[in-house]
mmCIF file of all heavy atoms, coordinates in Angstrom:
data_MODEL
# 
_entry.id   MODEL 
# 
loop_
_atom_site.group_PDB 
_atom_site.id 
_atom_site.type_symbol 
_atom_site.label_atom_id 
_atom_site.label_alt_id 
_atom_site.label_comp_id 
_atom_site.label_asym_id 
_atom_site.label_entity_id 
_atom_site.label_seq_id 
_atom_site.pdbx_PDB_ins_code 
_atom_site.Cartn_x 
_atom_site.Cartn_y 
_atom_site.Cartn_z 
_atom_site.occupancy 
_atom_site.B_iso_or_equiv 
_atom_site.pdbx_formal_charge 
_atom_site.auth_seq_id 
_atom_site.auth_comp_id 
_atom_site.auth_asym_id 
_atom_site.auth_atom_id 
_atom_site.pdbx_PDB_model_num 
ATOM 1   N N   . LEU A 1 1  ? 53.459 93.173 176.367 1.00 0.00 ? 1  LEU A N   1 
ATOM 2   C CA  . LEU A 1 1  ? 52.607 92.032 176.219 1.00 0.00 ? 1  LEU A CA  1 
ATOM 3   C C   . LEU A 1 1  ? 52.025 91.952 174.722 1.00 0.00 ? 1  LEU A C   1 
ATOM 4   O O   . LEU A 1 1  ? 51.609 92.964 174.228 1.00 0.00 ? 1  LEU A O   1 
ATOM 5   C CB  . LEU A 1 1  ? 51.423 92.102 177.127 1.00 0.00 ? 1  LEU A CB  1 
ATOM 6   C CG  . LEU A 1 1  ? 51.794 92.067 178.608 1.00 0.00 ? 1  LEU A CG  1 
ATOM 7   C CD1 . LEU A 1 1  ? 50.548 92.312 179.449 1.00 0.00 ? 1  LEU A CD1 1 
ATOM 8   C CD2 . LEU A 1 1  ? 52.418 90.763 179.044 1.00 0.00 ? 1  LEU A CD2 1 
ATOM 9   N N   . THR A 1 2  ? 52.140 90.767 174.187 1.00 0.00 ? 2  THR A N   1 
ATOM 10  C CA  . THR A 1 2  ? 51.570 90.542 172.825 1.00 0.00 ? 2  THR A CA  1 
ATOM 11  C C   . THR A 1 2  ? 50.030 90.254 172.998 1.00 0.00 ? 2  THR A C   1 
ATOM 12  O O   . THR A 1 2  ? 49.566 90.067 174.106 1.00 0.00 ? 2  THR A O   1 
ATOM 13  C CB  . THR A 1 2  ? 52.244 89.391 172.056 1.00 0.00 ? 2  THR A CB  1 
ATOM 14  O OG1 . THR A 1 2  ? 51.874 88.143 172.921 1.00 0.00 ? 2  THR A OG1 1 
ATOM 15  C CG2 . THR A 1 2  ? 53.768 89.562 172.022 1.00 0.00 ? 2  THR A CG2 1 
ATOM 16  N N   . THR A 1 3  ? 49.389 90.334 171.927 1.00 0.00 ? 3  THR A N   1 
ATOM 17  C CA  . THR A 1 3  ? 47.947 90.034 171.923 1.00 0.00 ? 3  THR A CA  1 
ATOM 18  C C   . THR A 1 3  ? 47.674 88.641 172.508 1.00 0.00 ? 3  THR A C   1 
ATOM 19  O O   . THR A 1 3  ? 46.807 88.510 173.374 1.00 0.00 ? 3  THR A O   1 
ATOM 20  C CB  . THR A 1 3  ? 47.336 90.078 170.518 1.00 0.00 ? 3  THR A CB  1 
ATOM 21  O OG1 . THR A 1 3  ? 47.424 91.422 170.015 1.00 0.00 ? 3  THR A OG1 1 
ATOM 22  C CG2 . THR A 1 3  ? 45.888 89.703 170.465 1.00 0.00 ? 3  THR A CG2 1 
ATOM 23  N N   . ARG A 1 4  ? 48.467 87.697 172.166 1.00 0.00 ? 4  ARG A N   1 
ATOM 24  C CA  . ARG A 1 4  ? 48.265 86.302 172.602 1.00 0.00 ? 4  ARG A CA  1 
ATOM 25  C C   . ARG A 1 4  ? 48.566 86.208 174.160 1.00 0.00 ? 4  ARG A C   1 
ATOM 26  O O   . ARG A 1 4  ? 47.934 85.345 174.853 1.00 0.00 ? 4  ARG A O   1 
ATOM 27  C CB  . ARG A 1 4  ? 49.162 85.399 171.843 1.00 0.00 ? 4  ARG A CB  1 
ATOM 28  C CG  . ARG A 1 4  ? 48.935 83.910 172.119 1.00 0.00 ? 4  ARG A CG  1 
ATOM 29  C CD  . ARG A 1 4  ? 49.824 83.070 171.215 1.00 0.00 ? 4  ARG A CD  1 
ATOM 30  N NE  . ARG A 1 4  ? 49.634 83.303 169.885 1.00 0.00 ? 4  ARG A NE  1 
ATOM 31  C CZ  . ARG A 1 4  ? 48.643 82.741 169.049 1.00 0.00 ? 4  ARG A CZ  1 
ATOM 32  N NH1 . ARG A 1 4  ? 47.921 81.828 169.707 1.00 0.00 ? 4  ARG A NH1 1 
ATOM 33  N NH2 . ARG A 1 4  ? 48.674 83.021 167.804 1.00 0.00 ? 4  ARG A NH2 1 
ATOM 34  N N   . GLN A 1 5  ? 49.432 87.051 174.689 1.00 0.00 ? 5  GLN A N   1 
ATOM 35  C CA  . GLN A 1 5  ? 49.824 86.928 176.094 1.00 0.00 ? 5  GLN A CA  1 
ATOM 36  C C   . GLN A 1 5  ? 48.765 87.604 176.975 1.00 0.00 ? 5  GLN A C   1 
ATOM 37  O O   . GLN A 1 5  ? 48.806 87.369 178.158 1.00 0.00 ? 5  GLN A O   1 
ATOM 38  C CB  . GLN A 1 5  ? 51.179 87.670 176.302 1.00 0.00 ? 5  GLN A CB  1 
ATOM 39  C CG  . GLN A 1 5  ? 52.299 86.893 175.730 1.00 0.00 ? 5  GLN A CG  1 
ATOM 40  C CD  . GLN A 1 5  ? 53.652 87.684 175.879 1.00 0.00 ? 5  GLN A CD  1 
ATOM 41  O OE1 . GLN A 1 5  ? 53.641 88.802 175.542 1.00 0.00 ? 5  GLN A OE1 1 
ATOM 42  N NE2 . GLN A 1 5  ? 54.787 87.007 176.298 1.00 0.00 ? 5  GLN A NE2 1 
ATOM 43  N N   . LYS A 1 6  ? 47.829 88.362 176.357 1.00 0.00 ? 6  LYS A N   1 
ATOM 44  C CA  . LYS A 1 6  ? 46.906 89.106 177.255 1.00 0.00 ? 6  LYS A CA  1 
ATOM 45  C C   . LYS A 1 6  ? 45.521 88.477 177.435 1.00 0.00 ? 6  LYS A C   1 
ATOM 46  O O   . LYS A 1 6  ? 44.882 88.589 178.447 1.00 0.00 ? 6  LYS A O   1 
ATOM 47  C CB  . LYS A 1 6  ? 46.701 90.550 176.687 1.00 0.00 ? 6  LYS A CB  1 
ATOM 48  C CG  . LYS A 1 6  ? 47.791 91.476 176.821 1.00 0.00 ? 6  LYS A CG  1 
ATOM 49  C CD  . LYS A 1 6  ? 47.648 92.799 176.034 1.00 0.00 ? 6  LYS A CD  1 
ATOM 50  C CE  . LYS A 1 6  ? 46.578 93.590 176.642 1.00 0.00 ? 6  LYS A CE  1 
ATOM 51  N NZ  . LYS A 1 6  ? 46.346 94.884 175.906 1.00 0.00 ? 6  LYS A NZ  1 
ATOM 52  N N   . HIS A 1 7  ? 45.057 87.789 176.314 1.00 0.00 ? 7  HIS A N   1 
ATOM 53  C CA  . HIS A 1 7  ? 43.695 87.186 176.395 1.00 0.00 ? 7  HIS A CA  1 
ATOM 54  C C   . HIS A 1 7  ? 43.657 85.835 175.794 1.00 0.00 ? 7  HIS A C   1 
ATOM 55  O O   . HIS A 1 7  ? 44.451 85.502 174.898 1.00 0.00 ? 7  HIS A O   1 
ATOM 56  C CB  . HIS A 1 7  ? 42.709 88.107 175.616 1.00 0.00 ? 7  HIS A CB  1 
ATOM 57  C CG  . HIS A 1 7  ? 42.581 89.452 176.170 1.00 0.00 ? 7  HIS A CG  1 
ATOM 58  N ND1 . HIS A 1 7  ? 43.235 90.549 175.780 1.00 0.00 ? 7  HIS A ND1 1 
ATOM 59  C CD2 . HIS A 1 7  ? 41.647 89.893 177.181 1.00 0.00 ? 7  HIS A CD2 1 
ATOM 60  C CE1 . HIS A 1 7  ? 42.871 91.598 176.498 1.00 0.00 ? 7  HIS A CE1 1 
ATOM 61  N NE2 . HIS A 1 7  ? 41.904 91.227 177.358 1.00 0.00 ? 7  HIS A NE2 1 
ATOM 62  N N   . ILE A 1 8  ? 42.724 85.037 176.309 1.00 0.00 ? 8  ILE A N   1 
ATOM 63  C CA  . ILE A 1 8  ? 42.411 83.711 175.758 1.00 0.00 ? 8  ILE A CA  1 
ATOM 64  C C   . ILE A 1 8  ? 40.884 83.813 175.123 1.00 0.00 ? 8  ILE A C   1 
ATOM 65  O O   . ILE A 1 8  ? 40.076 84.554 175.698 1.00 0.00 ? 8  ILE A O   1 
ATOM 66  C CB  . ILE A 1 8  ? 42.432 82.624 176.860 1.00 0.00 ? 8  ILE A CB  1 
ATOM 67  C CG1 . ILE A 1 8  ? 43.842 82.392 177.385 1.00 0.00 ? 8  ILE A CG1 1 
ATOM 68  C CG2 . ILE A 1 8  ? 41.766 81.303 176.385 1.00 0.00 ? 8  ILE A CG2 1 
ATOM 69  C CD1 . ILE A 1 8  ? 43.770 81.602 178.674 1.00 0.00 ? 8  ILE A CD1 1 
ATOM 70  N N   . ARG A 1 9  ? 40.785 83.127 174.122 1.00 0.00 ? 9  ARG A N   1 
ATOM 71  C CA  . ARG A 1 9  ? 39.410 83.014 173.512 1.00 0.00 ? 9  ARG A CA  1 
ATOM 72  C C   . ARG A 1 9  ? 38.821 81.578 173.852 1.00 0.00 ? 9  ARG A C   1 
ATOM 73  O O   . ARG A 1 9  ? 39.483 80.643 173.418 1.00 0.00 ? 9  ARG A O   1 
ATOM 74  C CB  . ARG A 1 9  ? 39.386 83.247 171.940 1.00 0.00 ? 9  ARG A CB  1 
ATOM 75  C CG  . ARG A 1 9  ? 39.986 84.570 171.560 1.00 0.00 ? 9  ARG A CG  1 
ATOM 76  C CD  . ARG A 1 9  ? 39.025 85.695 171.692 1.00 0.00 ? 9  ARG A CD  1 
ATOM 77  N NE  . ARG A 1 9  ? 39.490 86.917 171.134 1.00 0.00 ? 9  ARG A NE  1 
ATOM 78  C CZ  . ARG A 1 9  ? 38.847 88.106 171.303 1.00 0.00 ? 9  ARG A CZ  1 
ATOM 79  N NH1 . ARG A 1 9  ? 37.769 88.190 172.011 1.00 0.00 ? 9  ARG A NH1 1 
ATOM 80  N NH2 . ARG A 1 9  ? 39.442 89.213 170.790 1.00 0.00 ? 9  ARG A NH2 1 
ATOM 81  N N   . GLU A 1 10 ? 37.750 81.525 174.448 1.00 0.00 ? 10 GLU A N   1 
ATOM 82  C CA  . GLU A 1 10 ? 37.036 80.232 174.704 1.00 0.00 ? 10 GLU A CA  1 
ATOM 83  C C   . GLU A 1 10 ? 35.714 80.184 174.057 1.00 0.00 ? 10 GLU A C   1 
ATOM 84  O O   . GLU A 1 10 ? 34.880 81.013 174.277 1.00 0.00 ? 10 GLU A O   1 
ATOM 85  C CB  . GLU A 1 10 ? 36.995 80.048 176.254 1.00 0.00 ? 10 GLU A CB  1 
ATOM 86  C CG  . GLU A 1 10 ? 36.461 78.601 176.558 1.00 0.00 ? 10 GLU A CG  1 
ATOM 87  C CD  . GLU A 1 10 ? 36.573 78.324 178.081 1.00 0.00 ? 10 GLU A CD  1 
ATOM 88  O OE1 . GLU A 1 10 ? 36.626 79.250 178.870 1.00 0.00 ? 10 GLU A OE1 1 
ATOM 89  O OE2 . GLU A 1 10 ? 36.558 77.061 178.434 1.00 0.00 ? 10 GLU A OE2 1 
ATOM 90  N N   . CYS A 1 11 ? 35.559 79.035 173.162 1.00 0.00 ? 11 CYS A N   1 
ATOM 91  C CA  . CYS A 1 11 ? 34.365 78.947 172.350 1.00 0.00 ? 11 CYS A CA  1 
ATOM 92  C C   . CYS A 1 11 ? 33.549 77.756 172.778 1.00 0.00 ? 11 CYS A C   1 
ATOM 93  O O   . CYS A 1 11 ? 34.102 76.740 172.973 1.00 0.00 ? 11 CYS A O   1 
ATOM 94  C CB  . CYS A 1 11 ? 34.791 78.921 170.908 1.00 0.00 ? 11 CYS A CB  1 
ATOM 95  S SG  . CYS A 1 11 ? 35.950 80.095 170.365 1.00 0.00 ? 11 CYS A SG  1 
ATOM 96  N N   . PHE A 1 12 ? 32.240 77.974 172.814 1.00 0.00 ? 12 PHE A N   1 
ATOM 97  C CA  . PHE A 1 12 ? 31.282 76.836 173.103 1.00 0.00 ? 12 PHE A CA  1 
ATOM 98  C C   . PHE A 1 12 ? 30.417 76.769 171.838 1.00 0.00 ? 12 PHE A C   1 
ATOM 99  O O   . PHE A 1 12 ? 29.688 77.628 171.528 1.00 0.00 ? 12 PHE A O   1 
ATOM 100 C CB  . PHE A 1 12 ? 30.523 77.114 174.382 1.00 0.00 ? 12 PHE A CB  1 
ATOM 101 C CG  . PHE A 1 12 ? 31.350 77.081 175.632 1.00 0.00 ? 12 PHE A CG  1 
ATOM 102 C CD1 . PHE A 1 12 ? 32.050 78.197 176.042 1.00 0.00 ? 12 PHE A CD1 1 
ATOM 103 C CD2 . PHE A 1 12 ? 31.479 75.940 176.323 1.00 0.00 ? 12 PHE A CD2 1 
ATOM 104 C CE1 . PHE A 1 12 ? 32.783 78.256 177.232 1.00 0.00 ? 12 PHE A CE1 1 
ATOM 105 C CE2 . PHE A 1 12 ? 32.253 75.870 177.439 1.00 0.00 ? 12 PHE A CE2 1 
ATOM 106 C CZ  . PHE A 1 12 ? 32.906 77.038 177.913 1.00 0.00 ? 12 PHE A CZ  1 
ATOM 107 N N   . VAL A 1 13 ? 30.551 75.595 171.200 1.00 0.00 ? 13 VAL A N   1 
ATOM 108 C CA  . VAL A 1 13 ? 29.971 75.478 169.781 1.00 0.00 ? 13 VAL A CA  1 
ATOM 109 C C   . VAL A 1 13 ? 28.929 74.284 169.744 1.00 0.00 ? 13 VAL A C   1 
ATOM 110 O O   . VAL A 1 13 ? 29.231 73.194 170.188 1.00 0.00 ? 13 VAL A O   1 
ATOM 111 C CB  . VAL A 1 13 ? 31.065 75.251 168.757 1.00 0.00 ? 13 VAL A CB  1 
ATOM 112 C CG1 . VAL A 1 13 ? 30.496 75.170 167.344 1.00 0.00 ? 13 VAL A CG1 1 
ATOM 113 C CG2 . VAL A 1 13 ? 32.104 76.384 168.858 1.00 0.00 ? 13 VAL A CG2 1 
ATOM 114 N N   . VAL A 1 14 ? 27.784 74.614 169.160 1.00 0.00 ? 14 VAL A N   1 
ATOM 115 C CA  . VAL A 1 14 ? 26.799 73.608 168.855 1.00 0.00 ? 14 VAL A CA  1 
ATOM 116 C C   . VAL A 1 14 ? 26.904 73.206 167.404 1.00 0.00 ? 14 VAL A C   1 
ATOM 117 O O   . VAL A 1 14 ? 26.570 74.037 166.526 1.00 0.00 ? 14 VAL A O   1 
ATOM 118 C CB  . VAL A 1 14 ? 25.417 74.133 169.208 1.00 0.00 ? 14 VAL A CB  1 
ATOM 119 C CG1 . VAL A 1 14 ? 24.348 73.007 168.894 1.00 0.00 ? 14 VAL A CG1 1 
ATOM 120 C CG2 . VAL A 1 14 ? 25.231 74.484 170.645 1.00 0.00 ? 14 VAL A CG2 1 
ATOM 121 N N   . PRO A 1 15 ? 27.448 72.062 167.138 1.00 0.00 ? 15 PRO A N   1 
ATOM 122 C CA  . PRO A 1 15 ? 27.552 71.645 165.711 1.00 0.00 ? 15 PRO A CA  1 
ATOM 123 C C   . PRO A 1 15 ? 26.213 71.126 165.068 1.00 0.00 ? 15 PRO A C   1 
ATOM 124 O O   . PRO A 1 15 ? 25.401 70.649 165.873 1.00 0.00 ? 15 PRO A O   1 
ATOM 125 C CB  . PRO A 1 15 ? 28.624 70.545 165.708 1.00 0.00 ? 15 PRO A CB  1 
ATOM 126 C CG  . PRO A 1 15 ? 28.404 69.912 167.056 1.00 0.00 ? 15 PRO A CG  1 
ATOM 127 C CD  . PRO A 1 15 ? 27.923 71.033 168.033 1.00 0.00 ? 15 PRO A CD  1 
ATOM 128 N N   . GLU A 1 16 ? 26.107 71.376 163.820 1.00 0.00 ? 16 GLU A N   1 
ATOM 129 C CA  . GLU A 1 16 ? 24.992 70.742 163.061 1.00 0.00 ? 16 GLU A CA  1 
ATOM 130 C C   . GLU A 1 16 ? 25.263 69.262 163.047 1.00 0.00 ? 16 GLU A C   1 
ATOM 131 O O   . GLU A 1 16 ? 26.362 68.784 163.161 1.00 0.00 ? 16 GLU A O   1 
ATOM 132 C CB  . GLU A 1 16 ? 24.825 71.371 161.657 1.00 0.00 ? 16 GLU A CB  1 
ATOM 133 C CG  . GLU A 1 16 ? 24.499 72.799 161.647 1.00 0.00 ? 16 GLU A CG  1 
ATOM 134 C CD  . GLU A 1 16 ? 24.480 73.399 160.254 1.00 0.00 ? 16 GLU A CD  1 
ATOM 135 O OE1 . GLU A 1 16 ? 24.893 72.606 159.328 1.00 0.00 ? 16 GLU A OE1 1 
ATOM 136 O OE2 . GLU A 1 16 ? 23.982 74.506 160.138 1.00 0.00 ? 16 GLU A OE2 1 
ATOM 137 N N   . GLU A 1 17 ? 24.107 68.453 162.923 1.00 0.00 ? 17 GLU A N   1 
ATOM 138 C CA  . GLU A 1 17 ? 24.252 66.977 162.866 1.00 0.00 ? 17 GLU A CA  1 
ATOM 139 C C   . GLU A 1 17 ? 25.146 66.569 161.708 1.00 0.00 ? 17 GLU A C   1 
ATOM 140 O O   . GLU A 1 17 ? 24.928 67.031 160.581 1.00 0.00 ? 17 GLU A O   1 
ATOM 141 C CB  . GLU A 1 17 ? 22.826 66.360 162.777 1.00 0.00 ? 17 GLU A CB  1 
ATOM 142 C CG  . GLU A 1 17 ? 22.874 64.822 162.900 1.00 0.00 ? 17 GLU A CG  1 
ATOM 143 C CD  . GLU A 1 17 ? 21.411 64.336 162.939 1.00 0.00 ? 17 GLU A CD  1 
ATOM 144 O OE1 . GLU A 1 17 ? 20.486 65.035 162.963 1.00 0.00 ? 17 GLU A OE1 1 
ATOM 145 O OE2 . GLU A 1 17 ? 21.369 63.069 162.801 1.00 0.00 ? 17 GLU A OE2 1 
ATOM 146 N N   . GLY A 1 18 ? 26.099 65.717 161.973 1.00 0.00 ? 18 GLY A N   1 
ATOM 147 C CA  . GLY A 1 18 ? 26.986 65.200 160.929 1.00 0.00 ? 18 GLY A CA  1 
ATOM 148 C C   . GLY A 1 18 ? 28.125 66.227 160.533 1.00 0.00 ? 18 GLY A C   1 
ATOM 149 O O   . GLY A 1 18 ? 28.814 65.988 159.615 1.00 0.00 ? 18 GLY A O   1 
ATOM 150 N N   . ALA A 1 19 ? 28.256 67.345 161.226 1.00 0.00 ? 19 ALA A N   1 
ATOM 151 C CA  . ALA A 1 19 ? 29.248 68.319 160.892 1.00 0.00 ? 19 ALA A CA  1 
ATOM 152 C C   . ALA A 1 19 ? 30.669 67.854 161.155 1.00 0.00 ? 19 ALA A C   1 
ATOM 153 O O   . ALA A 1 19 ? 30.846 67.001 161.989 1.00 0.00 ? 19 ALA A O   1 
ATOM 154 C CB  . ALA A 1 19 ? 29.052 69.580 161.601 1.00 0.00 ? 19 ALA A CB  1 
ATOM 155 N N   . ASP A 1 20 ? 31.587 68.336 160.357 1.00 0.00 ? 20 ASP A N   1 
ATOM 156 C CA  . ASP A 1 20 ? 33.007 67.985 160.531 1.00 0.00 ? 20 ASP A CA  1 
ATOM 157 C C   . ASP A 1 20 ? 33.505 68.840 161.712 1.00 0.00 ? 20 ASP A C   1 
ATOM 158 O O   . ASP A 1 20 ? 33.951 69.983 161.512 1.00 0.00 ? 20 ASP A O   1 
ATOM 159 C CB  . ASP A 1 20 ? 33.839 68.272 159.203 1.00 0.00 ? 20 ASP A CB  1 
ATOM 160 C CG  . ASP A 1 20 ? 35.219 67.738 159.265 1.00 0.00 ? 20 ASP A CG  1 
ATOM 161 O OD1 . ASP A 1 20 ? 35.794 67.705 160.389 1.00 0.00 ? 20 ASP A OD1 1 
ATOM 162 O OD2 . ASP A 1 20 ? 35.797 67.551 158.201 1.00 0.00 ? 20 ASP A OD2 1 
ATOM 163 N N   . LEU A 1 21 ? 33.779 68.260 162.850 1.00 0.00 ? 21 LEU A N   1 
ATOM 164 C CA  . LEU A 1 21 ? 34.148 68.979 164.017 1.00 0.00 ? 21 LEU A CA  1 
ATOM 165 C C   . LEU A 1 21 ? 35.610 69.441 163.860 1.00 0.00 ? 21 LEU A C   1 
ATOM 166 O O   . LEU A 1 21 ? 35.870 70.589 164.341 1.00 0.00 ? 21 LEU A O   1 
ATOM 167 C CB  . LEU A 1 21 ? 34.043 68.098 165.254 1.00 0.00 ? 21 LEU A CB  1 
ATOM 168 C CG  . LEU A 1 21 ? 32.706 67.532 165.609 1.00 0.00 ? 21 LEU A CG  1 
ATOM 169 C CD1 . LEU A 1 21 ? 32.675 66.863 166.956 1.00 0.00 ? 21 LEU A CD1 1 
ATOM 170 C CD2 . LEU A 1 21 ? 31.578 68.582 165.513 1.00 0.00 ? 21 LEU A CD2 1 
ATOM 171 N N   . ALA A 1 22 ? 36.480 68.684 163.319 1.00 0.00 ? 22 ALA A N   1 
ATOM 172 C CA  . ALA A 1 22 ? 37.885 69.096 163.127 1.00 0.00 ? 22 ALA A CA  1 
ATOM 173 C C   . ALA A 1 22 ? 37.913 70.312 162.174 1.00 0.00 ? 22 ALA A C   1 
ATOM 174 O O   . ALA A 1 22 ? 38.717 71.301 162.447 1.00 0.00 ? 22 ALA A O   1 
ATOM 175 C CB  . ALA A 1 22 ? 38.706 67.934 162.607 1.00 0.00 ? 22 ALA A CB  1 
ATOM 176 N N   . ALA A 1 23 ? 37.132 70.297 161.195 1.00 0.00 ? 23 ALA A N   1 
ATOM 177 C CA  . ALA A 1 23 ? 37.157 71.454 160.227 1.00 0.00 ? 23 ALA A CA  1 
ATOM 178 C C   . ALA A 1 23 ? 36.593 72.726 160.889 1.00 0.00 ? 23 ALA A C   1 
ATOM 179 O O   . ALA A 1 23 ? 37.032 73.805 160.618 1.00 0.00 ? 23 ALA A O   1 
ATOM 180 C CB  . ALA A 1 23 ? 36.289 71.115 158.992 1.00 0.00 ? 23 ALA A CB  1 
ATOM 181 N N   . ILE A 1 24 ? 35.523 72.555 161.745 1.00 0.00 ? 24 ILE A N   1 
ATOM 182 C CA  . ILE A 1 24 ? 35.006 73.758 162.436 1.00 0.00 ? 24 ILE A CA  1 
ATOM 183 C C   . ILE A 1 24 ? 35.990 74.298 163.348 1.00 0.00 ? 24 ILE A C   1 
ATOM 184 O O   . ILE A 1 24 ? 36.297 75.559 163.413 1.00 0.00 ? 24 ILE A O   1 
ATOM 185 C CB  . ILE A 1 24 ? 33.775 73.399 163.301 1.00 0.00 ? 24 ILE A CB  1 
ATOM 186 C CG1 . ILE A 1 24 ? 32.619 72.935 162.236 1.00 0.00 ? 24 ILE A CG1 1 
ATOM 187 C CG2 . ILE A 1 24 ? 33.357 74.508 164.292 1.00 0.00 ? 24 ILE A CG2 1 
ATOM 188 C CD1 . ILE A 1 24 ? 31.344 72.467 163.032 1.00 0.00 ? 24 ILE A CD1 1 
# 
């Protein structure tokens, strides 16, 4: 198994007002 095949990373992010979400 590769690293990618073993685990998923799930992120919950609070952006600052007006932040570029795509860039984050």
